[in-house]
Protein backbone atom coordinates (compact mmCIF):
# COMPACT_ATOMS: atom_id res chain seq x y z
CA ILE A 1 -13.64 60.82 63.13
CA GLY A 2 -14.90 64.12 64.53
CA PHE A 3 -16.71 62.30 67.35
CA ILE A 4 -13.58 60.35 68.31
CA LYS A 5 -11.50 63.54 68.29
CA HIS A 6 -13.71 65.43 70.70
CA ASN A 7 -15.25 62.69 72.88
CA ARG A 8 -12.42 60.67 74.42
CA ALA A 9 -14.51 59.30 77.31
CA ALA A 10 -17.32 58.09 75.03
CA SER A 11 -14.83 56.62 72.55
CA ILE A 12 -14.07 53.65 74.79
CA VAL A 13 -17.74 52.65 74.48
CA LEU A 14 -17.77 53.23 70.72
CA LEU A 15 -14.78 50.94 70.06
CA PRO A 16 -16.41 47.60 71.02
CA VAL A 17 -19.70 48.65 69.37
CA ALA A 18 -17.90 49.47 66.13
CA MET A 19 -15.94 46.22 66.21
CA ILE A 20 -19.03 44.09 66.86
CA SER A 21 -20.70 45.76 63.88
CA LEU A 22 -17.73 45.03 61.62
CA TRP A 23 -17.46 41.43 62.84
CA THR A 24 -21.12 40.45 62.49
CA TYR A 25 -20.33 38.39 59.39
CA GLY A 26 -17.52 36.56 61.17
CA PHE A 27 -19.76 35.51 64.04
CA ILE A 28 -22.55 34.43 61.67
CA HIS A 29 -20.20 32.45 59.42
CA PRO A 30 -17.30 31.21 61.59
CA VAL A 31 -14.69 29.09 59.84
CA VAL A 32 -11.68 27.01 60.88
CA PRO A 33 -8.34 28.20 59.41
CA LEU A 34 -6.02 25.87 57.50
CA THR A 35 -3.05 24.74 59.58
CA GLU A 36 -1.04 22.74 57.05
CA HIS A 37 2.61 23.87 57.14
CA SER A 38 1.82 26.38 59.89
CA ALA A 39 4.17 27.47 62.64
CA PRO A 40 4.51 24.95 65.52
CA LEU A 41 2.66 26.78 68.31
CA TYR A 42 -0.10 27.97 65.99
CA LYS A 43 -0.69 24.43 64.76
CA LEU A 44 -0.79 23.19 68.36
CA LEU A 45 -3.26 25.91 69.41
CA ILE A 46 -5.67 25.37 66.51
CA ALA A 47 -5.57 21.59 66.91
CA GLY A 48 -6.98 21.96 70.40
CA ILE A 49 -9.97 24.15 69.40
CA ALA A 50 -10.50 23.32 65.72
CA HIS A 51 -13.95 21.87 66.45
CA TYR A 52 -15.19 25.18 67.84
CA PRO A 53 -15.08 27.74 64.98
CA PHE A 54 -17.18 30.25 66.94
CA LEU A 55 -14.59 30.13 69.74
CA LEU A 56 -11.84 30.85 67.18
CA THR A 57 -13.72 33.95 66.02
CA LEU A 58 -14.33 35.07 69.59
CA MET A 59 -10.65 34.62 70.49
CA SER A 60 -9.62 36.61 67.41
CA PHE A 61 -12.11 39.34 68.33
CA ILE A 62 -10.76 39.64 71.87
CA LEU A 63 -7.12 39.61 70.75
CA ILE A 64 -7.60 42.33 68.13
CA PHE A 65 -9.55 44.50 70.56
CA CYS A 66 -6.79 44.13 73.18
CA GLU A 67 -4.17 44.90 70.53
CA ALA A 68 -6.06 48.05 69.57
CA LEU A 69 -5.97 49.25 73.19
CA LEU A 70 -2.31 48.29 73.43
CA ILE A 71 -1.49 50.40 70.36
CA ASN A 72 -3.19 53.34 72.04
CA HIS A 73 -1.12 52.75 75.19
CA ILE A 74 2.12 52.61 73.17
CA VAL A 75 1.27 55.76 71.20
CA GLU A 76 0.36 57.79 74.29
CA ASN A 77 3.16 56.62 76.58
CA ASN A 78 5.95 57.02 74.05
CA GLU A 79 4.99 60.41 72.55
CA VAL A 80 4.37 58.96 69.08
CA ILE A 81 1.34 61.26 68.61
CA ASP A 82 0.94 64.49 70.57
CA THR A 83 -2.82 64.26 71.21
CA LYS A 84 -4.40 61.68 73.50
CA THR A 85 -7.11 59.92 71.52
CA TYR A 86 -8.57 56.48 70.84
CA LEU A 87 -8.30 57.04 67.10
CA PRO A 88 -5.25 54.73 66.61
CA ALA A 89 -7.23 51.94 68.27
CA LEU A 90 -10.24 52.52 66.01
CA VAL A 91 -8.08 52.63 62.87
CA TYR A 92 -6.35 49.39 63.89
CA ILE A 93 -9.73 47.69 64.40
CA VAL A 94 -10.88 48.79 60.94
CA LEU A 95 -7.63 47.71 59.25
CA MET A 96 -7.67 44.29 60.94
CA SER A 97 -11.30 43.84 59.85
CA LEU A 98 -10.60 44.42 56.15
CA ARG A 99 -9.89 40.74 55.47
CA PRO A 100 -12.36 37.99 56.52
CA GLU A 101 -9.36 35.72 57.21
CA MET A 102 -8.74 37.66 60.42
CA PHE A 103 -12.10 36.46 61.79
CA SER A 104 -10.79 32.90 62.15
CA LEU A 105 -7.75 33.56 64.38
CA HIS A 106 -5.23 34.06 61.61
CA PRO A 107 -1.61 33.54 62.79
CA ILE A 108 -0.84 37.23 62.22
CA VAL A 109 -3.50 38.12 64.81
CA ILE A 110 -1.46 36.29 67.44
CA ALA A 111 1.91 37.44 66.07
CA ASN A 112 0.78 41.08 66.18
CA LEU A 113 0.21 40.82 69.93
CA PHE A 114 3.80 39.76 70.58
CA MET A 115 5.11 42.32 68.09
CA LEU A 116 3.30 45.08 70.00
CA PHE A 117 4.89 43.86 73.26
CA ALA A 118 8.27 43.88 71.50
CA LEU A 119 7.70 47.37 70.08
CA HIS A 120 6.73 48.74 73.48
CA LYS A 121 9.79 47.21 75.15
CA LEU A 122 12.05 48.60 72.44
CA MET A 123 10.64 52.11 72.80
CA GLN A 124 11.14 51.90 76.57
CA THR A 125 14.92 51.74 76.08
CA TYR A 126 15.02 55.49 75.37
CA ARG A 127 17.35 57.36 77.76
CA LYS A 128 18.06 54.27 79.88
CA GLU A 129 21.66 53.85 80.96
CA THR A 130 21.45 50.12 80.30
CA ALA A 131 18.63 48.23 78.64
CA TYR A 132 19.65 44.61 79.05
CA SER A 133 16.25 43.34 80.18
CA GLU A 134 14.39 45.32 77.49
CA ALA A 135 16.74 44.02 74.78
CA PHE A 136 16.24 40.44 75.98
CA ASP A 137 12.46 40.82 76.24
CA THR A 138 12.18 42.38 72.77
CA GLY A 139 14.12 39.51 71.19
CA PHE A 140 12.08 37.00 73.18
CA PHE A 141 8.73 38.47 72.08
CA ILE A 142 9.78 38.55 68.41
CA SER A 143 10.79 34.90 68.71
CA LEU A 144 7.42 33.99 70.24
CA ALA A 145 5.68 35.79 67.37
CA ALA A 146 7.69 33.65 64.95
CA LEU A 147 6.56 30.46 66.70
CA PHE A 148 3.00 31.39 65.70
CA TYR A 149 3.85 32.95 62.31
CA ILE A 150 7.33 32.11 61.05
CA PRO A 151 7.90 35.18 58.76
CA SER A 152 7.91 37.25 61.98
CA VAL A 153 11.62 36.36 62.25
CA ILE A 154 12.32 39.26 59.88
CA PHE A 155 11.57 41.67 62.74
CA ILE A 156 14.81 40.74 64.47
CA PHE A 157 16.19 43.45 62.16
CA LEU A 158 13.72 45.91 63.70
CA LEU A 159 15.25 45.18 67.11
CA TRP A 160 18.77 45.85 65.90
CA ILE A 161 17.72 48.93 63.91
CA GLY A 162 15.89 50.18 67.00
CA LEU A 163 19.00 49.77 69.15
CA LEU A 164 20.91 51.85 66.60
CA VAL A 165 18.25 54.55 66.29
CA ILE A 166 17.24 54.92 69.94
CA ARG A 167 20.43 54.08 71.84
CA PRO A 168 24.21 54.41 71.75
CA PHE A 169 25.98 51.23 70.67
CA ILE A 170 26.41 48.85 73.64
CA TRP A 171 27.54 45.43 72.40
CA ARG A 172 26.16 43.57 75.42
CA GLU A 173 22.62 44.67 74.54
CA TRP A 174 23.03 43.24 71.04
CA VAL A 175 24.28 39.91 72.37
CA ILE A 176 21.54 39.74 75.00
CA SER A 177 18.86 40.56 72.41
CA PHE A 178 20.10 37.69 70.23
CA ILE A 179 20.05 35.31 73.21
CA GLY A 180 16.46 36.35 73.94
CA PHE A 181 15.53 35.70 70.31
CA MET A 182 17.22 32.28 70.17
CA LEU A 183 15.98 30.94 73.49
CA PRO A 184 12.44 29.79 72.44
CA TRP A 185 13.79 28.36 69.18
CA THR A 186 16.50 26.46 71.07
CA PHE A 187 13.85 24.69 73.16
CA LEU A 188 11.74 24.06 70.06
CA VAL A 189 14.59 22.58 68.01
CA PHE A 190 15.60 20.40 70.96
CA TYR A 191 12.00 19.15 71.29
CA TYR A 192 11.78 18.25 67.60
CA PHE A 193 15.23 16.65 67.69
CA TRP A 194 14.37 14.63 70.80
CA ASN A 195 11.21 13.31 69.12
CA ASP A 196 13.02 12.67 65.82
CA LYS A 197 10.89 15.26 63.97
CA LEU A 198 13.57 17.78 63.00
CA ASP A 199 12.89 17.21 59.29
CA THR A 200 9.25 18.22 59.85
CA LEU A 201 10.32 21.50 61.43
CA GLN A 202 12.71 22.25 58.57
CA TYR A 203 10.04 21.45 56.00
CA ASP A 204 7.37 23.66 57.59
CA ALA A 205 9.63 26.48 58.77
CA ILE A 206 11.88 26.87 55.73
CA TYR A 207 10.51 25.10 52.69
CA TYR A 208 6.95 26.37 53.03
CA THR A 209 7.86 29.94 53.92
CA ILE A 210 11.07 31.09 52.25
CA ILE A 211 10.88 28.70 49.28
CA THR A 212 7.21 27.69 48.97
CA PRO A 213 6.61 25.79 45.72
CA ARG A 214 4.20 27.24 43.15
CA LYS A 215 4.01 30.60 44.97
CA SER A 216 3.52 33.20 42.26
CA PHE A 217 2.03 36.67 41.89
CA ASN A 218 0.42 35.45 38.66
CA THR A 219 -2.10 33.44 40.67
CA LEU A 220 -3.42 36.53 42.46
CA THR A 221 -6.98 37.57 41.67
CA PHE A 222 -8.89 40.38 43.32
CA SER A 223 -12.57 41.17 43.75
CA PHE A 224 -14.04 44.64 43.29
CA SER A 225 -14.06 45.25 47.05
CA GLU A 226 -10.39 44.24 47.29
CA TYR A 227 -9.44 46.64 44.51
CA MET A 228 -11.43 49.28 46.35
CA GLN A 229 -9.61 48.57 49.61
CA MET A 230 -6.19 48.71 47.98
CA ALA A 231 -7.00 51.99 46.23
CA LEU A 232 -8.25 53.53 49.47
CA LEU A 233 -5.20 52.36 51.41
CA VAL A 234 -2.86 53.80 48.77
CA ALA A 235 -4.74 57.11 48.98
CA ALA A 236 -4.57 56.99 52.79
CA ALA A 237 -0.83 56.27 52.61
CA PHE A 238 -0.34 59.24 50.28
CA PHE A 239 -2.10 61.66 52.63
CA SER A 240 -0.45 60.13 55.72
CA ALA A 241 3.04 60.51 54.21
CA GLY A 242 2.70 64.29 54.16
CA ARG A 243 1.56 64.35 57.76
CA PHE A 244 4.41 62.00 58.76
CA LEU A 245 7.03 64.33 57.28
CA ASN A 246 5.48 67.22 59.19
CA ASP A 247 5.49 65.23 62.45
CA LEU A 248 9.10 64.21 61.86
CA SER A 249 10.29 67.79 61.41
CA LYS A 250 8.51 69.24 64.45
CA SER A 251 8.67 66.37 66.95
CA THR A 252 10.88 65.85 70.01
CA VAL A 253 13.89 63.53 69.85
CA GLN A 254 11.97 60.67 71.48
CA SER A 255 8.99 61.13 69.18
CA ARG A 256 11.24 61.34 66.11
CA ASN A 257 13.04 58.11 67.05
CA ASN A 258 9.77 56.28 67.57
CA LEU A 259 8.34 57.54 64.27
CA LEU A 260 11.46 56.31 62.47
CA LEU A 261 11.03 52.97 64.23
CA MET A 262 7.47 52.75 62.89
CA ILE A 263 8.73 53.45 59.37
CA TYR A 264 11.22 50.58 59.62
CA PHE A 265 8.41 48.41 60.98
CA PHE A 266 6.33 49.35 57.92
CA VAL A 267 9.15 48.41 55.52
CA LEU A 268 9.87 45.06 57.19
CA ALA A 269 6.14 44.25 57.34
CA PHE A 270 5.92 44.81 53.59
CA ILE A 271 9.00 42.66 52.93
CA SER A 272 7.52 39.84 55.05
CA ILE A 273 4.97 39.07 52.30
CA PHE A 274 7.83 37.61 50.23
CA ILE A 275 8.49 34.92 52.84
CA ALA A 276 4.81 34.33 53.65
CA PRO A 277 3.27 30.90 52.86
CA SER A 278 1.42 32.49 49.92
CA TYR A 279 0.92 35.85 48.26
CA SER A 280 -2.24 37.17 49.87
CA ILE A 281 -3.50 40.55 51.08
CA ALA A 282 -4.16 38.93 54.46
CA TYR A 283 -0.42 38.48 55.03
CA LEU A 284 0.07 42.24 54.80
CA SER A 285 -1.88 42.67 58.04
CA PHE A 286 1.42 43.32 59.83
CA LEU A 287 1.15 46.75 58.20
CA SER A 288 -1.87 47.48 60.39
CA ILE A 289 0.39 48.34 63.33
CA PRO A 290 2.44 51.18 61.80
CA PHE A 291 -0.32 52.24 59.41
CA SER A 292 -2.78 52.76 62.27
CA VAL A 293 -0.33 55.25 63.77
CA PHE A 294 0.38 57.15 60.55
CA PHE A 295 -3.21 57.22 59.32
CA SER A 296 -4.68 58.24 62.68
CA SER A 297 -2.19 61.13 62.85
CA TYR A 298 -3.41 62.31 59.45
CA LEU A 299 -7.06 61.93 60.49
CA LEU A 300 -6.44 63.90 63.67
CA PHE A 301 -4.74 66.90 62.12
CA SER A 302 -6.18 66.98 58.60
CA LYS A 303 -7.31 70.47 57.63
CA ARG A 304 -9.74 69.06 55.09
CA GLU A 305 -11.92 67.01 57.36
CA TRP A 306 -14.31 65.95 54.61
CA ILE A 307 -11.47 64.05 52.87
CA SER A 308 -10.50 62.17 56.02
CA GLU A 309 -14.13 61.39 56.87
CA LEU A 310 -14.79 60.17 53.31
CA LEU A 311 -11.69 57.94 53.24
CA PHE A 312 -12.61 56.37 56.54
CA LEU A 313 -16.25 55.87 55.56
CA LEU A 314 -15.29 54.23 52.25
CA LEU A 315 -12.95 51.85 54.08
CA ILE A 316 -15.82 50.75 56.31
CA ILE A 317 -18.13 50.36 53.29
CA SER A 318 -15.50 48.21 51.55
CA ILE A 319 -15.51 45.82 54.53
CA PHE A 320 -19.25 45.18 54.22
CA LEU A 321 -19.00 44.89 50.43
CA ASP A 322 -16.30 42.23 50.81
CA GLN A 323 -18.28 40.33 53.44
CA PHE A 324 -21.76 40.27 51.94
CA PHE A 325 -21.36 40.86 48.19
CA THR A 326 -18.30 38.79 47.27
């Protein structure tokens, strides 16, 4: 953490090295993800490259690395964190490496990319007289995310909350945002209807997400490394909450709005587990976006550096424990 704080130029070299180290297991043991009852575009994508598990891992690696850089861009260009640093990118890489499922191009890996585009567009509406194109684009990106991972639809509420938090009420922006959200689904429903497969879409999109038979928390079992990860993340959330309240009280109006937006993102990401295909820690990976911002802010400004260094080190150790000793 200390090296990242004080060596911004060298950090860009450290990021890919760190990620390759964390993903060694994934490249050695590539797997093909299950696509039964998956979102339409995700199922189509995996069907085309299912015979190349190494390619799936490589694609996931590239996407997560690009998302990490995109988070850094969003944080720096929208005054979410005062200091310019690659720490949010590094934290995101570590968080998205906690679960081995991410190594095989999990649908959330793809959905996160579109959610980051949507988040950036939404933050760009600040102080604009009209934000019709941004409202449309944000709705459109959230809809695309849902075509790869259906529970992403819950983030339409983030768009509307964001319009309330960041902007004055302009009804046209709300209507345009809804049109942007509905457009990809309109084409999709028409395609399924035209090919007489509308029942299949309803079964996969509704029955196996919102309803999902036999989905129960009683079936959850955790390994030692998973318990360790959850304990560390709870501890990190506790320390980050104090830093967040401090940032919120001392920040500019733009920064405060964006921090509130990240909190709403965090809440909706947590709620999304209840409409996920199953109860699994992997489906909480949406939390990696807001958590990478909050946790990196704590790591940057923590007065007790040994606590932040220890937390981060233990998180990395838990990844290797889960990969090689589970």
